[in-house]
Amino acid sequence: MKKKRWLRNWTFSFLLMCGCAEPRILEEVGLITTYGLDLAKNGTILGTVVGLKIDPSAPNEIVNLETEAFSIRGIRNNTNRKTSKRLASGQLRVIVNGEELLKQGDTGIAEAVANDPSVSDMTYLAMAEGAARDLLNVKAKHIPDIGDHLFRLIDQNTKGKMMPSATLHEVLHSHYTVGKEPIMPILKKEKEGIGFSGVALFRGSKLVGKISTDQSFFLNMIIDQYKSGIKDVVIKSSKLKPRNRRLNKTVASIDSLDSSNNIKLINKEKVEFDLDIKLTARLLEITSQIDLGKPENIKLIEKEISKSMKEEIEKLIAYCQTKESDVFGLGEIYRSSIRHSKLTDEKWYKMFKEAKVNVNLDFTVKRTGLNQ
């Protein structure tokens, strides 16, 4: 019995020793937190690597290093030649792609990063408006660590539904799913630092279009659900007179959003979908001379906001159809609704362009705010 117990303990210890990865002392490693990737000459990639050097006896040092290579691994290897500490990707949180690089398509970058077991599939992907290197070299007093700043910027705006989520897992899933295209938030260099300026649309792995931050709100309403948030809705209606004569439109400010959606294929021959969206929110303020104490006026506002939002969603869908970029996943719904559809990306691009989407939006004011 003792012999068996000894043998079991010895075997367990041996397996532990065999299974241990190469030891890495934290003080001897540089942690890559952010990659910036741009198109360079002769088909190479210009990599801007943001690294964090750990030193227990001094403040952590943030370093930006640039190099060119034909692959992600090549960028890391070439960057290693320029630093005193070996670089590791275990803390990679954001990958920023330059606009010109994404216009080329078929970069294989996301796939290469995903094959690295040390990289989390929750790493955020984003597109820089312009060059990624310019974004990662922004200098501002409130941005001591550009890698950490970008991660927190994307993370809080994604969780707050200000921008759509684009993790490594989500982008690759959409890329390899027939009938659905990936998206990425667009980051722009501004006077105050860096801001969210829109959403990049793709056809396959190639950048084909952009939408604004306002349109991003409606995109999120179609592909996700709101459980909070705030939005200013422009109402173009002669039935509501603006309080300010300088404005020829009325603006309603709503918050505490709660939305649900349902997309259903109703005609498989002449491809047609019903998109039903229900939205409730608190009416905080409206720039109109209207008495909110009257129920009929609330009904009027609900009707006009529904109409305005419906028009914006229809414009968004129409724009995406011109780019043959089904970021809504309508093709995935079509494929799952029809057995043995044998749907391919190329076939769906043509079908999506001609598809009809009936938008039905029902907006309800659950209560009004203090400002009227």
Protein backbone atom coordinates (compact mmCIF):
# COMPACT_ATOMS: atom_id res chain seq x y z
CA MET A 1 0.00 0.00 0.00
CA LYS A 2 2.82 2.36 0.94
CA LYS A 3 4.58 1.41 -2.27
CA LYS A 4 1.53 2.32 -4.36
CA ARG A 5 1.14 5.64 -2.54
CA TRP A 6 4.82 6.43 -3.11
CA LEU A 7 4.55 5.53 -6.79
CA ARG A 8 1.44 7.71 -7.21
CA ASN A 9 3.11 10.71 -5.53
CA TRP A 10 6.26 10.26 -7.58
CA THR A 11 4.30 10.03 -10.85
CA PHE A 12 2.28 13.15 -9.97
CA SER A 13 5.44 15.13 -9.20
CA PHE A 14 7.08 13.94 -12.42
CA LEU A 15 4.08 15.04 -14.50
CA LEU A 16 4.09 18.43 -12.84
CA MET A 17 7.74 18.92 -13.73
CA CYS A 18 7.21 17.77 -17.31
CA GLY A 19 4.15 19.97 -17.74
CA CYS A 20 5.78 23.17 -16.53
CA ALA A 21 6.27 25.82 -19.19
CA GLU A 22 9.52 27.67 -19.60
CA PRO A 23 9.92 29.76 -16.42
CA ARG A 24 9.72 33.52 -16.88
CA ILE A 25 10.81 35.89 -14.17
CA LEU A 26 8.59 38.97 -14.33
CA GLU A 27 11.49 41.39 -13.91
CA GLU A 28 13.21 39.87 -16.94
CA VAL A 29 10.22 40.14 -19.29
CA GLY A 30 8.74 43.07 -21.23
CA LEU A 31 4.95 42.81 -21.41
CA ILE A 32 3.37 43.74 -24.74
CA THR A 33 0.07 45.52 -24.03
CA THR A 34 -0.77 46.96 -27.46
CA TYR A 35 0.05 46.35 -31.11
CA GLY A 36 -0.24 49.03 -33.79
CA LEU A 37 -0.13 47.64 -37.33
CA ASP A 38 0.25 49.69 -40.51
CA LEU A 39 0.90 48.99 -44.16
CA ALA A 40 4.58 49.46 -45.02
CA LYS A 41 6.61 49.21 -48.20
CA ASN A 42 6.98 46.05 -50.29
CA GLY A 43 4.08 44.34 -48.56
CA THR A 44 5.61 44.44 -45.09
CA ILE A 45 3.83 45.48 -41.90
CA LEU A 46 5.02 48.38 -39.78
CA GLY A 47 4.52 47.32 -36.18
CA THR A 48 4.34 49.74 -33.26
CA VAL A 49 4.71 47.77 -30.04
CA VAL A 50 3.70 49.27 -26.71
CA GLY A 51 5.49 47.42 -23.92
CA LEU A 52 5.61 47.59 -20.16
CA LYS A 53 8.91 46.99 -18.36
CA ILE A 54 8.54 45.77 -14.77
CA ASP A 55 11.14 46.97 -12.27
CA PRO A 56 10.37 46.56 -8.54
CA SER A 57 12.93 49.23 -7.63
CA ALA A 58 11.60 51.90 -10.03
CA PRO A 59 8.34 53.07 -11.65
CA ASN A 60 7.12 50.89 -14.49
CA GLU A 61 8.48 52.08 -17.82
CA ILE A 62 6.30 52.36 -20.95
CA VAL A 63 8.19 51.90 -24.20
CA ASN A 64 7.11 52.28 -27.83
CA LEU A 65 9.16 50.37 -30.37
CA GLU A 66 8.77 50.22 -34.15
CA THR A 67 9.90 47.62 -36.64
CA GLU A 68 8.93 46.14 -40.00
CA ALA A 69 8.27 42.50 -40.82
CA PHE A 70 6.07 40.25 -42.95
CA SER A 71 4.27 38.71 -39.96
CA ILE A 72 3.21 39.31 -36.35
CA ARG A 73 5.83 36.85 -35.10
CA GLY A 74 8.39 38.64 -37.22
CA ILE A 75 7.46 41.97 -35.64
CA ARG A 76 7.89 40.56 -32.14
CA ASN A 77 11.19 38.90 -33.05
CA ASN A 78 12.57 42.06 -34.65
CA THR A 79 11.40 44.16 -31.70
CA ASN A 80 13.15 41.83 -29.29
CA ARG A 81 16.44 42.88 -30.88
CA LYS A 82 15.80 46.45 -29.72
CA THR A 83 15.02 45.83 -26.07
CA SER A 84 16.93 44.58 -23.04
CA LYS A 85 14.00 42.45 -21.89
CA ARG A 86 12.41 39.60 -23.79
CA LEU A 87 8.92 40.54 -24.97
CA ALA A 88 5.86 38.42 -24.12
CA SER A 89 2.29 38.75 -25.44
CA GLY A 90 0.46 37.45 -22.37
CA GLN A 91 -0.80 40.91 -21.44
CA LEU A 92 -1.84 41.98 -24.95
CA ARG A 93 -5.17 43.82 -24.63
CA VAL A 94 -5.60 45.91 -27.81
CA ILE A 95 -4.61 45.58 -31.47
CA VAL A 96 -5.00 48.79 -33.51
CA ASN A 97 -5.02 48.34 -37.29
CA GLY A 98 -4.14 51.15 -39.67
CA GLU A 99 -6.80 52.13 -42.19
CA GLU A 100 -4.66 51.49 -45.28
CA LEU A 101 -3.71 48.03 -44.03
CA LEU A 102 -7.36 47.01 -43.63
CA LYS A 103 -8.20 48.31 -47.11
CA GLN A 104 -5.86 45.66 -48.50
CA GLY A 105 -7.81 42.78 -46.94
CA ASP A 106 -6.61 39.20 -46.36
CA THR A 107 -3.90 40.26 -43.91
CA GLY A 108 -4.31 37.13 -41.79
CA ILE A 109 -3.32 39.17 -38.73
CA ALA A 110 -6.25 38.17 -36.52
CA GLU A 111 -5.76 34.50 -37.35
CA ALA A 112 -2.04 34.69 -36.58
CA VAL A 113 -2.67 36.37 -33.22
CA ALA A 114 -5.39 33.85 -32.35
CA ASN A 115 -2.90 31.02 -32.91
CA ASP A 116 -0.73 32.36 -30.10
CA PRO A 117 -1.90 30.49 -26.97
CA SER A 118 -0.64 33.28 -24.72
CA VAL A 119 -3.02 35.84 -26.27
CA SER A 120 -6.55 36.10 -24.88
CA ASP A 121 -9.43 35.78 -27.33
CA MET A 122 -10.97 38.76 -25.47
CA THR A 123 -8.29 41.08 -26.86
CA TYR A 124 -9.96 44.13 -28.43
CA LEU A 125 -9.49 44.95 -32.12
CA ALA A 126 -9.90 48.49 -33.44
CA MET A 127 -9.14 50.56 -36.54
CA ALA A 128 -7.22 53.82 -36.49
CA GLU A 129 -8.54 56.65 -38.62
CA GLY A 130 -5.30 57.06 -40.50
CA ALA A 131 -2.16 55.38 -39.19
CA ALA A 132 -2.03 53.24 -36.06
CA ARG A 133 1.49 54.49 -35.25
CA ASP A 134 0.18 58.08 -34.94
CA LEU A 135 -2.47 56.94 -32.49
CA LEU A 136 -0.01 55.05 -30.30
CA ASN A 137 2.39 57.98 -30.19
CA VAL A 138 -0.18 60.46 -28.83
CA LYS A 139 1.30 62.49 -25.98
CA ALA A 140 -1.04 63.95 -23.35
CA LYS A 141 -0.81 64.57 -19.61
CA HIS A 142 -3.88 62.46 -18.92
CA ILE A 143 -2.44 59.52 -20.94
CA PRO A 144 0.65 58.26 -19.09
CA ASP A 145 0.21 54.75 -20.53
CA ILE A 146 -1.25 54.70 -24.06
CA GLY A 147 -1.86 50.93 -23.99
CA ASP A 148 -3.82 51.02 -20.74
CA HIS A 149 -5.69 54.15 -21.89
CA LEU A 150 -6.85 52.53 -25.13
CA PHE A 151 -7.97 49.39 -23.34
CA ARG A 152 -10.01 51.35 -20.78
CA LEU A 153 -11.43 53.64 -23.48
CA ILE A 154 -12.67 50.71 -25.57
CA ASP A 155 -13.75 48.62 -22.58
CA GLN A 156 -15.95 51.25 -20.92
CA ASN A 157 -17.52 52.39 -24.21
CA THR A 158 -18.21 48.78 -25.23
CA LYS A 159 -19.83 47.94 -21.91
CA GLY A 160 -21.81 51.20 -22.08
CA LYS A 161 -23.04 50.28 -25.60
CA MET A 162 -21.46 53.41 -27.06
CA MET A 163 -19.48 51.25 -29.48
CA PRO A 164 -20.04 47.67 -30.69
CA SER A 165 -17.90 44.94 -29.17
CA ALA A 166 -15.06 43.68 -31.39
CA THR A 167 -12.95 41.17 -29.50
CA LEU A 168 -10.59 38.81 -31.30
CA HIS A 169 -13.11 35.99 -30.79
CA GLU A 170 -16.06 38.02 -32.12
CA VAL A 171 -14.23 39.33 -35.19
CA LEU A 172 -12.98 35.90 -36.20
CA HIS A 173 -16.38 34.30 -35.54
CA SER A 174 -18.09 36.83 -37.82
CA HIS A 175 -15.36 36.48 -40.43
CA TYR A 176 -15.74 32.70 -40.67
CA THR A 177 -19.54 32.67 -40.39
CA VAL A 178 -21.31 32.61 -43.76
CA GLY A 179 -23.85 35.44 -43.81
CA LYS A 180 -22.24 37.75 -41.28
CA GLU A 181 -19.44 40.31 -41.55
CA PRO A 182 -17.10 41.65 -38.83
CA ILE A 183 -17.00 45.20 -37.51
CA MET A 184 -14.44 47.28 -35.59
CA PRO A 185 -14.67 50.56 -33.70
CA ILE A 186 -12.73 53.45 -35.25
CA LEU A 187 -10.39 55.48 -33.05
CA LYS A 188 -9.31 58.98 -34.04
CA LYS A 189 -6.49 61.23 -32.87
CA GLU A 190 -7.97 64.45 -31.47
CA LYS A 191 -6.69 67.61 -29.79
CA GLU A 192 -7.66 66.27 -26.36
CA GLY A 193 -6.24 62.82 -27.03
CA ILE A 194 -8.14 59.94 -28.66
CA GLY A 195 -11.85 59.51 -29.34
CA PHE A 196 -14.36 57.05 -30.81
CA SER A 197 -15.31 58.31 -34.28
CA GLY A 198 -17.35 55.51 -35.86
CA VAL A 199 -17.46 51.86 -36.92
CA ALA A 200 -15.55 50.11 -39.72
CA LEU A 201 -17.53 47.78 -42.02
CA PHE A 202 -16.01 44.79 -43.76
CA ARG A 203 -16.72 42.54 -46.70
CA GLY A 204 -14.77 39.43 -45.83
CA SER A 205 -11.55 40.78 -44.33
CA LYS A 206 -11.48 43.94 -46.46
CA LEU A 207 -12.53 47.37 -45.21
CA VAL A 208 -15.37 48.61 -47.43
CA GLY A 209 -17.09 51.39 -45.48
CA LYS A 210 -17.56 53.42 -42.32
CA ILE A 211 -20.52 54.59 -40.30
CA SER A 212 -20.73 57.44 -37.79
CA THR A 213 -21.10 57.21 -34.01
CA ASP A 214 -24.79 58.13 -34.39
CA GLN A 215 -25.31 55.26 -36.82
CA SER A 216 -23.39 53.00 -34.43
CA PHE A 217 -26.21 53.52 -31.92
CA PHE A 218 -28.73 52.07 -34.37
CA LEU A 219 -26.37 49.26 -35.35
CA ASN A 220 -26.17 48.23 -31.70
CA MET A 221 -29.96 48.35 -31.51
CA ILE A 222 -30.19 45.77 -34.31
CA ILE A 223 -27.44 43.37 -33.27
CA ASP A 224 -27.64 43.76 -29.49
CA GLN A 225 -29.89 44.98 -26.68
CA TYR A 226 -29.79 48.17 -24.66
CA LYS A 227 -30.26 48.04 -20.91
CA SER A 228 -29.01 51.57 -20.25
CA GLY A 229 -27.54 54.53 -22.12
CA ILE A 230 -28.53 57.97 -23.35
CA LYS A 231 -29.36 59.30 -26.82
CA ASP A 232 -30.40 62.57 -28.48
CA VAL A 233 -32.96 61.89 -31.19
CA VAL A 234 -33.53 64.46 -33.94
CA ILE A 235 -37.22 64.78 -34.85
CA LYS A 236 -38.09 66.36 -38.18
CA SER A 237 -41.78 67.02 -37.83
CA SER A 238 -44.03 70.01 -38.47
CA LYS A 239 -46.24 68.82 -35.60
CA LEU A 240 -43.58 69.73 -33.04
CA LYS A 241 -42.41 73.34 -32.97
CA PRO A 242 -38.82 73.94 -31.78
CA ARG A 243 -38.52 76.10 -28.67
CA ASN A 244 -35.47 77.83 -30.14
CA ARG A 245 -36.31 79.64 -33.37
CA ARG A 246 -32.74 79.30 -34.59
CA LEU A 247 -33.33 75.55 -34.89
CA ASN A 248 -35.54 74.05 -37.57
CA LYS A 249 -35.74 70.73 -35.76
CA THR A 250 -36.71 69.27 -32.42
CA VAL A 251 -34.31 67.19 -30.33
CA ALA A 252 -35.51 64.71 -27.72
CA SER A 253 -33.03 63.52 -25.08
CA ILE A 254 -33.78 60.02 -23.76
CA ASP A 255 -32.03 57.74 -21.29
CA SER A 256 -32.56 54.52 -19.28
CA LEU A 257 -32.95 52.69 -22.59
CA ASP A 258 -34.38 49.18 -22.64
CA SER A 259 -34.59 47.51 -26.04
CA SER A 260 -35.35 44.15 -27.60
CA ASN A 261 -35.27 42.98 -31.20
CA ASN A 262 -36.39 40.13 -33.39
CA ILE A 263 -35.44 39.38 -37.00
CA LYS A 264 -37.47 36.87 -38.97
CA LEU A 265 -37.22 35.60 -42.54
CA ILE A 266 -40.68 35.92 -44.11
CA ASN A 267 -39.91 35.21 -47.77
CA LYS A 268 -37.13 32.86 -48.84
CA GLU A 269 -37.73 33.24 -52.60
CA LYS A 270 -37.61 37.04 -52.81
CA VAL A 271 -35.50 37.42 -49.72
CA GLU A 272 -37.44 39.49 -47.21
CA PHE A 273 -37.09 39.99 -43.45
CA ASP A 274 -39.16 41.54 -40.69
CA LEU A 275 -37.08 43.50 -38.19
CA ASP A 276 -39.10 44.28 -35.05
CA ILE A 277 -37.59 46.54 -32.40
CA LYS A 278 -39.18 47.57 -29.12
CA LEU A 279 -37.64 50.42 -27.17
CA THR A 280 -38.64 52.06 -23.91
CA ALA A 281 -36.85 55.02 -22.37
CA ARG A 282 -37.21 57.98 -20.06
CA LEU A 283 -37.78 61.31 -21.76
CA LEU A 284 -35.32 63.70 -20.13
CA GLU A 285 -35.80 66.77 -22.26
CA ILE A 286 -37.33 67.93 -25.53
CA THR A 287 -36.55 71.18 -27.32
CA SER A 288 -40.17 71.82 -28.24
CA GLN A 289 -43.01 73.99 -27.00
CA ILE A 290 -45.19 71.13 -25.87
CA ASP A 291 -47.03 70.33 -22.66
CA LEU A 292 -45.78 66.94 -21.42
CA GLY A 293 -48.61 66.80 -18.90
CA LYS A 294 -51.05 65.84 -21.63
CA PRO A 295 -51.19 62.11 -22.54
CA GLU A 296 -51.95 62.90 -26.19
CA ASN A 297 -48.70 64.87 -26.45
CA ILE A 298 -46.71 61.95 -25.07
CA LYS A 299 -48.33 59.72 -27.71
CA LEU A 300 -47.34 62.23 -30.38
CA ILE A 301 -43.73 62.27 -29.19
CA GLU A 302 -43.63 58.45 -29.12
CA LYS A 303 -44.93 58.34 -32.69
CA GLU A 304 -42.47 60.92 -34.00
CA ILE A 305 -39.46 59.34 -32.26
CA SER A 306 -40.46 55.92 -33.64
CA LYS A 307 -40.70 57.42 -37.11
CA SER A 308 -37.37 59.20 -36.87
CA MET A 309 -35.50 56.14 -35.58
CA LYS A 310 -37.08 53.89 -38.19
CA GLU A 311 -35.84 56.18 -40.97
CA GLU A 312 -32.30 56.15 -39.55
CA ILE A 313 -32.27 52.34 -39.35
CA GLU A 314 -33.54 52.04 -42.93
CA LYS A 315 -30.75 54.39 -44.11
CA LEU A 316 -28.16 52.31 -42.24
CA ILE A 317 -29.36 49.04 -43.75
CA ALA A 318 -29.47 50.56 -47.24
CA TYR A 319 -25.90 51.86 -46.88
CA CYS A 320 -24.61 48.46 -45.76
CA GLN A 321 -26.37 46.85 -48.71
CA THR A 322 -24.51 49.13 -51.14
CA LYS A 323 -21.27 47.91 -49.55
CA GLU A 324 -22.42 44.25 -49.54
CA SER A 325 -21.52 44.15 -45.86
CA ASP A 326 -24.05 42.20 -43.82
CA VAL A 327 -22.95 43.26 -40.35
CA PHE A 328 -26.43 42.43 -39.02
CA GLY A 329 -26.13 38.68 -39.61
CA LEU A 330 -29.22 38.46 -41.86
CA GLY A 331 -27.45 35.82 -43.95
CA GLU A 332 -26.88 33.71 -40.86
CA ILE A 333 -30.62 33.90 -40.11
CA TYR A 334 -31.42 32.99 -43.73
CA ARG A 335 -29.04 30.01 -43.62
CA SER A 336 -30.40 28.70 -40.32
CA SER A 337 -34.02 29.10 -41.54
CA ILE A 338 -33.57 27.07 -44.72
CA ARG A 339 -32.31 23.50 -44.61
CA HIS A 340 -29.58 22.60 -47.09
CA SER A 341 -29.35 26.18 -48.33
CA LYS A 342 -25.70 25.65 -49.38
CA LEU A 343 -25.18 29.35 -48.85
CA THR A 344 -21.75 30.78 -49.66
CA ASP A 345 -20.33 34.24 -48.96
CA GLU A 346 -20.29 35.20 -52.64
CA LYS A 347 -23.88 34.03 -53.13
CA TRP A 348 -25.08 35.92 -50.06
CA TYR A 349 -23.34 39.17 -51.05
CA LYS A 350 -25.60 39.35 -54.11
CA MET A 351 -28.72 38.24 -52.24
CA PHE A 352 -28.14 40.68 -49.38
CA LYS A 353 -27.80 43.58 -51.79
CA GLU A 354 -31.33 42.94 -53.08
CA ALA A 355 -32.94 41.79 -49.81
CA LYS A 356 -35.92 43.67 -48.39
CA VAL A 357 -36.00 44.51 -44.70
CA ASN A 358 -39.26 45.71 -43.17
CA VAL A 359 -38.38 47.82 -40.12
CA ASN A 360 -40.99 48.06 -37.38
CA LEU A 361 -39.98 50.20 -34.40
CA ASP A 362 -42.18 50.73 -31.36
CA PHE A 363 -40.96 53.42 -28.95
CA THR A 364 -42.61 54.00 -25.57
CA VAL A 365 -41.93 56.69 -22.99
CA LYS A 366 -41.86 54.96 -19.60
CA ARG A 367 -41.63 58.26 -17.72
CA THR A 368 -40.53 61.87 -18.20
CA GLY A 369 -37.66 63.71 -16.57
CA LEU A 370 -37.59 67.04 -14.78
CA ASN A 371 -36.55 69.24 -17.69
CA GLN A 372 -39.34 70.20 -20.01
